[in-house]
Amino acid sequence: MDLMDRLAKVFEVSVDCLIRDKENVTISKIKNPDLRHPIEEMNALPDAEHETAVSFLDAFIKR
């Protein structure tokens, strides 16, 4: 486990993040817990709706 602890430190993630799948690692990096559920729901949208949601968020953040 010492190796896992060191790797987690290098990548600035938890050990749990190292052993989960990619989607869960990304979600777990979100600092505000209120955003996790909406982002998980957005990831489950059909492609066209997902792209619309991403475009909307991108435009909102860049303004």
Protein backbone atom coordinates (compact mmCIF):
# COMPACT_ATOMS: atom_id res chain seq x y z
CA MET A 1 0.00 0.00 0.00
CA ASP A 2 2.95 2.32 0.48
CA LEU A 3 3.42 2.45 -3.30
CA MET A 4 -0.23 3.39 -3.78
CA ASP A 5 0.11 6.17 -1.21
CA ARG A 6 3.15 7.56 -2.99
CA LEU A 7 1.45 7.39 -6.39
CA ALA A 8 -1.60 9.14 -5.00
CA LYS A 9 0.62 11.92 -3.69
CA VAL A 10 2.41 12.31 -7.03
CA PHE A 11 -0.88 12.56 -8.95
CA GLU A 12 -2.57 14.60 -6.19
CA VAL A 13 -5.50 12.20 -5.90
CA SER A 14 -6.68 9.73 -3.28
CA VAL A 15 -5.71 6.07 -3.35
CA ASP A 16 -9.38 5.38 -3.99
CA CYS A 17 -9.16 7.45 -7.17
CA LEU A 18 -6.24 5.39 -8.41
CA ILE A 19 -8.20 2.14 -8.27
CA ARG A 20 -11.52 3.42 -9.67
CA ASP A 21 -12.51 3.80 -13.28
CA LYS A 22 -11.79 7.06 -15.11
CA GLU A 23 -15.30 8.54 -14.80
CA ASN A 24 -15.35 8.15 -11.05
CA VAL A 25 -11.90 9.67 -10.70
CA THR A 26 -13.01 12.75 -12.56
CA ILE A 27 -16.21 13.09 -10.57
CA SER A 28 -14.35 12.66 -7.29
CA LYS A 29 -12.10 15.63 -8.12
CA ILE A 30 -15.07 18.01 -8.04
CA LYS A 31 -14.67 20.04 -4.86
CA ASN A 32 -18.29 21.17 -4.51
CA PRO A 33 -20.41 18.11 -3.62
CA ASP A 34 -23.56 19.90 -4.88
CA LEU A 35 -22.14 19.72 -8.42
CA ARG A 36 -21.35 16.00 -8.45
CA HIS A 37 -24.88 14.72 -8.99
CA PRO A 38 -25.79 17.16 -11.80
CA ILE A 39 -22.54 16.34 -13.60
CA GLU A 40 -23.21 12.61 -13.27
CA GLU A 41 -26.66 13.20 -14.75
CA MET A 42 -25.19 15.29 -17.56
CA ASN A 43 -22.77 12.48 -18.40
CA ALA A 44 -25.73 10.12 -18.84
CA LEU A 45 -27.48 12.34 -21.40
CA PRO A 46 -27.69 11.33 -25.06
CA ASP A 47 -24.80 12.72 -27.12
CA ALA A 48 -26.65 15.68 -28.64
CA GLU A 49 -28.03 16.82 -25.28
CA HIS A 50 -24.66 16.27 -23.63
CA GLU A 51 -22.94 18.48 -26.22
CA THR A 52 -25.58 21.19 -25.69
CA ALA A 53 -25.07 21.10 -21.92
CA VAL A 54 -21.28 21.27 -22.31
CA SER A 55 -21.58 24.19 -24.73
CA PHE A 56 -23.87 26.02 -22.31
CA LEU A 57 -21.50 25.51 -19.38
CA ASP A 58 -18.51 26.49 -21.48
CA ALA A 59 -20.21 29.73 -22.57
CA PHE A 60 -21.26 30.50 -19.00
CA ILE A 61 -17.74 29.99 -17.63
CA LYS A 62 -16.09 32.08 -20.37
CA ARG A 63 -18.37 35.13 -19.96
